[in-house]
Amino acid sequence: MAFTDLRIDPFSAAVVTIMINSGAYIAEITRGAVLSIHKGFSEAVWR
């Protein structure tokens, strides 16, 4: 088994966990912001 010998110190595991959580949170905020733009505004930009 390749993953049985994997050792990660607790601080590094916490940093990676916080990075993934923060990235998902920011992605959700960005998605909500993009979806809140009305169709007419986005069409006006491309004309």
PDB file of N, CA and C in Angstrom:
ATOM      1  N   MET A   1       0.841  -1.188   0.000  1.00  0.00           N
ATOM      2  CA  MET A   1       0.000   0.000   0.000  1.00  0.00           C
ATOM      3  C   MET A   1       0.884   1.249   0.000  1.00  0.00           C
ATOM      4  N   ALA A   2       0.625   2.131  -0.917  1.00  0.00           N
ATOM      5  CA  ALA A   2       1.458   3.316  -1.052  1.00  0.00           C
ATOM      6  C   ALA A   2       1.124   4.377  -0.006  1.00  0.00           C
ATOM      7  N   PHE A   3      -0.112   4.468   0.405  1.00  0.00           N
ATOM      8  CA  PHE A   3      -0.519   5.546   1.308  1.00  0.00           C
ATOM      9  C   PHE A   3      -0.331   5.214   2.785  1.00  0.00           C
ATOM     10  N   THR A   4       0.032   4.002   3.113  1.00  0.00           N
ATOM     11  CA  THR A   4       0.189   3.660   4.526  1.00  0.00           C
ATOM     12  C   THR A   4       1.441   4.284   5.129  1.00  0.00           C
ATOM     13  N   ASP A   5       2.459   4.551   4.314  1.00  0.00           N
ATOM     14  CA  ASP A   5       3.696   5.136   4.823  1.00  0.00           C
ATOM     15  C   ASP A   5       3.724   6.657   4.705  1.00  0.00           C
ATOM     16  N   LEU A   6       2.640   7.249   4.296  1.00  0.00           N
ATOM     17  CA  LEU A   6       2.581   8.701   4.129  1.00  0.00           C
ATOM     18  C   LEU A   6       2.445   9.366   5.491  1.00  0.00           C
ATOM     19  N   ARG A   7       3.395  10.236   5.793  1.00  0.00           N
ATOM     20  CA  ARG A   7       3.387  10.943   7.079  1.00  0.00           C
ATOM     21  C   ARG A   7       3.312  12.439   6.823  1.00  0.00           C
ATOM     22  N   ILE A   8       2.309  13.086   7.372  1.00  0.00           N
ATOM     23  CA  ILE A   8       2.155  14.533   7.260  1.00  0.00           C
ATOM     24  C   ILE A   8       2.022  15.086   8.672  1.00  0.00           C
ATOM     25  N   ASP A   9       2.826  16.095   8.959  1.00  0.00           N
ATOM     26  CA  ASP A   9       2.729  16.666  10.299  1.00  0.00           C
ATOM     27  C   ASP A   9       1.400  17.425  10.435  1.00  0.00           C
ATOM     28  N   PRO A  10       0.894  17.556  11.640  1.00  0.00           N
ATOM     29  CA  PRO A  10      -0.424  18.168  11.857  1.00  0.00           C
ATOM     30  C   PRO A  10      -0.538  19.599  11.336  1.00  0.00           C
ATOM     31  N   PHE A  11       0.532  20.384  11.439  1.00  0.00           N
ATOM     32  CA  PHE A  11       0.467  21.768  10.967  1.00  0.00           C
ATOM     33  C   PHE A  11       0.274  21.824   9.453  1.00  0.00           C
ATOM     34  N   SER A  12       1.021  21.012   8.714  1.00  0.00           N
ATOM     35  CA  SER A  12       0.877  20.987   7.256  1.00  0.00           C
ATOM     36  C   SER A  12      -0.507  20.503   6.853  1.00  0.00           C
ATOM     37  N   ALA A  13      -1.026  19.517   7.549  1.00  0.00           N
ATOM     38  CA  ALA A  13      -2.370  19.025   7.254  1.00  0.00           C
ATOM     39  C   ALA A  13      -3.411  20.108   7.510  1.00  0.00           C
ATOM     40  N   ALA A  14      -3.227  20.877   8.573  1.00  0.00           N
ATOM     41  CA  ALA A  14      -4.164  21.961   8.878  1.00  0.00           C
ATOM     42  C   ALA A  14      -4.090  23.058   7.824  1.00  0.00           C
ATOM     43  N   VAL A  15      -2.883  23.397   7.375  1.00  0.00           N
ATOM     44  CA  VAL A  15      -2.721  24.438   6.355  1.00  0.00           C
ATOM     45  C   VAL A  15      -3.381  24.012   5.050  1.00  0.00           C
ATOM     46  N   VAL A  16      -3.161  22.780   4.629  1.00  0.00           N
ATOM     47  CA  VAL A  16      -3.773  22.284   3.389  1.00  0.00           C
ATOM     48  C   VAL A  16      -5.290  22.261   3.520  1.00  0.00           C
ATOM     49  N   THR A  17      -5.796  21.847   4.663  1.00  0.00           N
ATOM     50  CA  THR A  17      -7.238  21.811   4.884  1.00  0.00           C
ATOM     51  C   THR A  17      -7.846  23.206   4.818  1.00  0.00           C
ATOM     52  N   ILE A  18      -7.208  24.172   5.442  1.00  0.00           N
ATOM     53  CA  ILE A  18      -7.713  25.549   5.417  1.00  0.00           C
ATOM     54  C   ILE A  18      -7.647  26.120   4.003  1.00  0.00           C
ATOM     55  N   MET A  19      -6.586  25.795   3.257  1.00  0.00           N
ATOM     56  CA  MET A  19      -6.475  26.275   1.879  1.00  0.00           C
ATOM     57  C   MET A  19      -7.596  25.723   1.001  1.00  0.00           C
ATOM     58  N   ILE A  20      -7.888  24.443   1.124  1.00  0.00           N
ATOM     59  CA  ILE A  20      -8.953  23.837   0.323  1.00  0.00           C
ATOM     60  C   ILE A  20     -10.306  24.417   0.710  1.00  0.00           C
ATOM     61  N   ASN A  21     -10.538  24.564   2.009  1.00  0.00           N
ATOM     62  CA  ASN A  21     -11.804  25.116   2.486  1.00  0.00           C
ATOM     63  C   ASN A  21     -11.979  26.558   2.022  1.00  0.00           C
ATOM     64  N   SER A  22     -10.938  27.362   2.128  1.00  0.00           N
ATOM     65  CA  SER A  22     -11.012  28.763   1.702  1.00  0.00           C
ATOM     66  C   SER A  22     -11.216  28.868   0.199  1.00  0.00           C
ATOM     67  N   GLY A  23     -10.551  28.024  -0.560  1.00  0.00           N
ATOM     68  CA  GLY A  23     -10.714  28.026  -2.007  1.00  0.00           C
ATOM     69  C   GLY A  23     -12.132  27.698  -2.424  1.00  0.00           C
ATOM     70  N   ALA A  24     -12.732  26.723  -1.765  1.00  0.00           N
ATOM     71  CA  ALA A  24     -14.118  26.368  -2.076  1.00  0.00           C
ATOM     72  C   ALA A  24     -15.068  27.499  -1.696  1.00  0.00           C
ATOM     73  N   TYR A  25     -14.813  28.148  -0.588  1.00  0.00           N
ATOM     74  CA  TYR A  25     -15.658  29.260  -0.140  1.00  0.00           C
ATOM     75  C   TYR A  25     -15.574  30.432  -1.115  1.00  0.00           C
ATOM     76  N   ILE A  26     -14.368  30.774  -1.541  1.00  0.00           N
ATOM     77  CA  ILE A  26     -14.183  31.872  -2.493  1.00  0.00           C
ATOM     78  C   ILE A  26     -14.799  31.521  -3.841  1.00  0.00           C
ATOM     79  N   ALA A  27     -14.679  30.266  -4.263  1.00  0.00           N
ATOM     80  CA  ALA A  27     -15.291  29.842  -5.523  1.00  0.00           C
ATOM     81  C   ALA A  27     -16.809  29.971  -5.463  1.00  0.00           C
ATOM     82  N   GLU A  28     -17.395  29.654  -4.333  1.00  0.00           N
ATOM     83  CA  GLU A  28     -18.853  29.777  -4.189  1.00  0.00           C
ATOM     84  C   GLU A  28     -19.284  31.241  -4.210  1.00  0.00           C
ATOM     85  N   ILE A  29     -18.516  32.117  -3.598  1.00  0.00           N
ATOM     86  CA  ILE A  29     -18.821  33.552  -3.633  1.00  0.00           C
ATOM     87  C   ILE A  29     -18.731  34.067  -5.066  1.00  0.00           C
ATOM     88  N   THR A  30     -17.688  33.665  -5.781  1.00  0.00           N
ATOM     89  CA  THR A  30     -17.512  34.093  -7.170  1.00  0.00           C
ATOM     90  C   THR A  30     -18.639  33.570  -8.047  1.00  0.00           C
ATOM     91  N   ARG A  31     -19.031  32.320  -7.850  1.00  0.00           N
ATOM     92  CA  ARG A  31     -20.120  31.738  -8.633  1.00  0.00           C
ATOM     93  C   ARG A  31     -21.413  32.497  -8.393  1.00  0.00           C
ATOM     94  N   GLY A  32     -21.692  32.831  -7.148  1.00  0.00           N
ATOM     95  CA  GLY A  32     -22.896  33.595  -6.828  1.00  0.00           C
ATOM     96  C   GLY A  32     -22.875  34.979  -7.444  1.00  0.00           C
ATOM     97  N   ALA A  33     -21.697  35.601  -7.460  1.00  0.00           N
ATOM     98  CA  ALA A  33     -21.579  36.932  -8.064  1.00  0.00           C
ATOM     99  C   ALA A  33     -21.815  36.875  -9.565  1.00  0.00           C
ATOM    100  N   VAL A  34     -21.274  35.869 -10.219  1.00  0.00           N
ATOM    101  CA  VAL A  34     -21.454  35.737 -11.671  1.00  0.00           C
ATOM    102  C   VAL A  34     -22.907  35.431 -12.001  1.00  0.00           C
ATOM    103  N   LEU A  35     -23.535  34.576 -11.223  1.00  0.00           N
ATOM    104  CA  LEU A  35     -24.934  34.224 -11.494  1.00  0.00           C
ATOM    105  C   LEU A  35     -25.894  35.366 -11.188  1.00  0.00           C
ATOM    106  N   SER A  36     -25.461  36.348 -10.403  1.00  0.00           N
ATOM    107  CA  SER A  36     -26.345  37.463 -10.072  1.00  0.00           C
ATOM    108  C   SER A  36     -26.391  38.522 -11.171  1.00  0.00           C
ATOM    109  N   ILE A  37     -25.507  38.413 -12.152  1.00  0.00           N
ATOM    110  CA  ILE A  37     -25.497  39.371 -13.262  1.00  0.00           C
ATOM    111  C   ILE A  37     -26.656  39.038 -14.194  1.00  0.00           C
ATOM    112  N   HIS A  38     -27.460  40.035 -14.497  1.00  0.00           N
ATOM    113  CA  HIS A  38     -28.609  39.818 -15.367  1.00  0.00           C
ATOM    114  C   HIS A  38     -28.147  39.553 -16.797  1.00  0.00           C
ATOM    115  N   LYS A  39     -28.965  38.819 -17.529  1.00  0.00           N
ATOM    116  CA  LYS A  39     -28.607  38.425 -18.886  1.00  0.00           C
ATOM    117  C   LYS A  39     -28.395  39.645 -19.783  1.00  0.00           C
ATOM    118  N   GLY A  40     -29.180  40.681 -19.614  1.00  0.00           N
ATOM    119  CA  GLY A  40     -29.047  41.879 -20.439  1.00  0.00           C
ATOM    120  C   GLY A  40     -27.710  42.573 -20.266  1.00  0.00           C
ATOM    121  N   PHE A  41     -27.191  42.576 -19.044  1.00  0.00           N
ATOM    122  CA  PHE A  41     -25.895  43.209 -18.800  1.00  0.00           C
ATOM    123  C   PHE A  41     -24.772  42.441 -19.489  1.00  0.00           C
ATOM    124  N   SER A  42     -24.820  41.127 -19.394  1.00  0.00           N
ATOM    125  CA  SER A  42     -23.753  40.344 -20.015  1.00  0.00           C
ATOM    126  C   SER A  42     -23.831  40.408 -21.537  1.00  0.00           C
ATOM    127  N   GLU A  43     -25.040  40.518 -22.096  1.00  0.00           N
ATOM    128  CA  GLU A  43     -25.169  40.651 -23.548  1.00  0.00           C
ATOM    129  C   GLU A  43     -24.688  42.021 -24.012  1.00  0.00           C
ATOM    130  N   ALA A  44     -24.878  43.050 -23.197  1.00  0.00           N
ATOM    131  CA  ALA A  44     -24.443  44.399 -23.570  1.00  0.00           C
ATOM    132  C   ALA A  44     -22.923  44.493 -23.639  1.00  0.00           C
ATOM    133  N   VAL A  45     -22.237  43.704 -22.857  1.00  0.00           N
ATOM    134  CA  VAL A  45     -20.777  43.742 -22.856  1.00  0.00           C
ATOM    135  C   VAL A  45     -20.225  43.229 -24.181  1.00  0.00           C
ATOM    136  N   TRP A  46     -20.864  42.234 -24.765  1.00  0.00           N
ATOM    137  CA  TRP A  46     -20.344  41.594 -25.971  1.00  0.00           C
ATOM    138  C   TRP A  46     -20.785  42.280 -27.259  1.00  0.00           C
ATOM    139  N   ARG A  47     -21.493  43.391 -27.166  1.00  0.00           N
ATOM    140  CA  ARG A  47     -21.921  44.083 -28.385  1.00  0.00           C
ATOM    141  C   ARG A  47     -20.997  45.186 -28.738  1.00  0.00           C
TER     142      ARG A  47
END
